[in-house]
């Protein structure tokens, strides 16, 4: 799969998830996600920082979230 910024490490699984929370496409190695896991990811887009206190959970594995950045408003 793709190289991660020249580190020699590679992605082992990936997915495309729609704004409605539905998984549109995924690699065969990508784990099955629960509805609450997808909901929490989507909520972090609406409320940056939502995942930081409790972490990101994917297929029962907890990942640390250091920060989320709010989308900047476009200048006119």
Protein backbone atom coordinates (compact mmCIF):
# COMPACT_ATOMS: atom_id res chain seq x y z
CA UNK A 1 0.00 0.00 0.00
CA UNK A 2 1.12 3.62 0.24
CA UNK A 3 4.27 4.75 2.00
CA UNK A 4 3.66 7.04 4.99
CA UNK A 5 5.78 10.16 4.35
CA UNK A 6 9.03 8.33 3.68
CA UNK A 7 9.06 6.51 7.03
CA UNK A 8 9.11 3.05 5.48
CA UNK A 9 5.81 2.28 7.23
CA UNK A 10 2.74 1.42 5.19
CA UNK A 11 -1.02 1.48 5.62
CA UNK A 12 -2.45 -1.97 6.20
CA UNK A 13 -6.14 -1.05 5.94
CA UNK A 14 -8.28 1.91 4.86
CA UNK A 15 -11.92 2.91 4.46
CA UNK A 16 -14.03 5.69 2.98
CA UNK A 17 -16.89 6.70 5.27
CA UNK A 18 -19.63 9.06 4.09
CA UNK A 19 -20.93 12.07 6.01
CA UNK A 20 -23.98 9.97 6.85
CA UNK A 21 -21.74 7.44 8.61
CA UNK A 22 -22.05 4.70 6.01
CA UNK A 23 -18.92 2.84 4.93
CA UNK A 24 -18.70 3.41 1.17
CA UNK A 25 -15.59 1.34 0.52
CA UNK A 26 -12.99 -0.49 2.58
CA UNK A 27 -10.03 -2.76 2.19
CA UNK A 28 -10.45 -6.40 3.13
CA UNK A 29 -8.24 -5.91 6.22
CA UNK A 30 -10.28 -2.97 7.55
CA UNK A 31 -12.14 -3.98 10.75
CA UNK A 32 -15.90 -3.81 11.24
CA UNK A 33 -16.75 -0.58 13.06
CA UNK A 34 -19.64 -0.13 15.47
CA UNK A 35 -22.22 2.60 14.97
CA UNK A 36 -20.98 4.49 18.03
CA UNK A 37 -17.39 4.44 16.74
CA UNK A 38 -18.50 6.01 13.45
CA UNK A 39 -20.76 8.50 15.28
CA UNK A 40 -17.88 9.67 17.46
CA UNK A 41 -15.64 10.22 14.43
CA UNK A 42 -18.38 12.23 12.70
CA UNK A 43 -19.03 14.26 15.87
CA UNK A 44 -15.36 15.26 16.03
CA UNK A 45 -15.77 16.96 12.63
CA UNK A 46 -18.69 19.00 14.03
CA UNK A 47 -17.13 19.53 17.46
CA UNK A 48 -13.32 19.47 17.14
CA UNK A 49 -11.79 18.11 20.32
CA UNK A 50 -14.66 15.69 21.02
CA UNK A 51 -12.37 12.64 20.75
CA UNK A 52 -9.37 14.02 22.65
CA UNK A 53 -10.53 13.31 26.24
CA UNK A 54 -11.56 9.68 25.67
CA UNK A 55 -9.59 8.73 22.56
CA UNK A 56 -10.61 7.27 19.23
CA UNK A 57 -11.94 3.72 19.36
CA UNK A 58 -11.81 1.57 16.21
CA UNK A 59 -12.94 -2.05 16.34
CA UNK A 60 -12.48 -2.02 20.11
CA UNK A 61 -8.92 -0.65 20.03
CA UNK A 62 -8.32 2.73 21.66
CA UNK A 63 -6.11 5.30 19.91
CA UNK A 64 -4.89 8.53 21.50
CA UNK A 65 -6.09 11.77 19.89
CA UNK A 66 -3.76 14.69 20.52
CA UNK A 67 -5.85 17.45 18.96
CA UNK A 68 -8.51 18.33 16.44
CA UNK A 69 -8.50 21.51 14.42
CA UNK A 70 -11.61 23.46 13.53
CA UNK A 71 -12.14 24.24 9.87
CA UNK A 72 -11.15 27.80 9.00
CA UNK A 73 -13.73 30.09 7.47
CA UNK A 74 -12.89 31.04 3.89
CA UNK A 75 -11.94 34.64 3.39
CA UNK A 76 -14.04 36.59 0.91
